[in-house]
Protein backbone atom coordinates (compact mmCIF):
# COMPACT_ATOMS: atom_id res chain seq x y z
CA MET A 1 89.10 57.16 121.73
CA PHE A 2 92.38 55.80 123.09
CA VAL A 3 93.63 52.88 121.03
CA GLU A 4 96.53 50.46 121.06
CA LEU A 5 98.40 50.13 117.80
CA HIS A 6 99.89 46.73 116.97
CA VAL A 7 102.18 46.43 113.96
CA ASP A 8 103.18 43.04 112.58
CA ALA A 9 106.03 43.57 110.12
CA SER A 10 106.03 39.94 108.99
CA THR A 11 102.40 40.06 107.79
CA ARG A 12 102.50 43.80 107.07
CA THR A 13 99.37 44.44 109.12
CA ILE A 14 98.33 47.11 111.56
CA VAL A 15 95.67 46.33 114.16
CA LEU A 16 93.92 48.98 116.25
CA LYS A 17 92.26 47.90 119.50
CA PRO A 18 90.50 49.97 122.15
CA ALA A 19 92.96 50.81 124.93
CA ALA A 20 92.50 48.70 128.01
CA SER A 21 94.09 51.19 130.37
CA GLY A 22 92.99 54.61 131.40
CA THR A 23 91.01 56.45 134.03
CA VAL A 24 87.59 57.99 134.12
CA ALA A 25 87.53 61.48 135.60
CA GLU A 26 84.28 63.18 136.54
CA TYR A 27 84.21 66.97 136.63
CA ARG A 28 81.44 69.21 137.90
CA VAL A 29 81.77 72.59 136.20
CA ARG A 30 79.85 75.81 136.71
CA LEU A 31 78.68 77.55 133.55
CA GLU A 32 78.38 81.31 133.12
CA ASP A 33 76.44 80.57 129.95
CA ARG A 34 76.00 77.68 127.53
CA LYS A 35 78.95 78.69 125.34
CA ASN A 36 81.23 77.76 128.25
CA LEU A 37 80.36 74.17 127.41
CA ILE A 38 82.25 74.59 124.12
CA ASP A 39 85.28 75.73 126.15
CA VAL A 40 85.04 72.63 128.37
CA VAL A 41 84.95 70.25 125.41
CA SER A 42 87.76 72.15 123.65
CA VAL A 43 90.08 71.89 126.67
CA VAL A 44 89.39 68.17 127.04
CA VAL A 45 90.17 67.50 123.37
CA GLU A 46 93.23 69.78 123.32
CA GLU A 47 94.66 67.86 126.27
CA GLY A 48 94.28 64.57 124.39
CA SER A 49 91.37 63.14 126.36
CA GLU A 50 87.89 62.02 125.40
CA VAL A 51 84.51 63.30 126.60
CA ARG A 52 82.40 60.27 127.53
CA SER A 53 79.24 62.02 128.71
CA LEU A 54 77.74 65.39 129.57
CA ARG A 55 74.83 65.92 131.94
CA CYS A 56 73.87 69.56 132.26
CA GLY A 57 71.48 71.51 134.40
CA GLU A 58 70.86 75.21 134.13
CA PHE A 59 74.16 76.38 135.65
CA GLU A 60 76.30 73.26 136.11
CA CYS A 61 77.40 70.27 134.07
CA ASP A 62 78.80 66.90 135.04
CA VAL A 63 81.45 65.95 132.49
CA GLU A 64 82.79 62.40 132.34
CA VAL A 65 86.19 62.14 130.65
CA PHE A 66 88.33 59.16 129.66
CA ILE A 67 91.91 60.17 130.46
CA ALA A 68 95.27 58.42 130.73
CA ASP A 69 95.79 58.77 134.50
CA ALA A 70 95.07 60.75 137.68
CA VAL A 71 98.01 63.12 137.12
CA LEU A 72 96.60 64.18 133.76
CA ALA A 73 93.14 64.50 135.36
CA GLU A 74 94.59 67.11 137.75
CA ARG A 75 96.32 68.90 134.88
CA LEU A 76 93.04 68.97 132.94
CA ALA A 77 91.30 70.59 135.92
CA GLU A 78 94.07 73.23 136.04
CA LYS A 79 93.74 73.91 132.30
CA MET A 80 89.99 74.38 132.67
CA ARG A 81 90.52 76.85 135.51
CA GLU A 82 93.09 78.75 133.42
CA ARG A 83 90.40 79.16 130.74
CA GLY A 84 88.01 80.60 133.29
CA ILE A 85 85.91 77.45 133.66
CA GLY A 86 84.59 77.05 137.19
CA VAL A 87 85.62 73.55 138.24
CA VAL A 88 83.48 72.91 141.31
CA GLU A 89 84.96 69.48 141.97
CA TYR A 90 86.38 66.46 140.24
CA ARG A 91 87.26 62.89 141.06
CA THR A 92 88.80 59.90 139.32
CA ARG A 93 87.66 56.31 139.37
């Protein structure tokens, strides 16, 4: 989860709050087999994003990701393709 970190030196406190900014990217990926799903989740986590939901059929999954911005969403799609994951389409909202 993306968080904002607020440090108050005078009271010596640290407060974590859910980040208010970010983008949701939705990817449709084609799976050769179910273990490809592990690759999808690994790439998302390695790139510093968060999987919000997975909806899978027999050969495709819709993966909803919370990501910093649209530029990083494109980079994530490229990283998936580099790993041999078939990105059918993606969009940000």
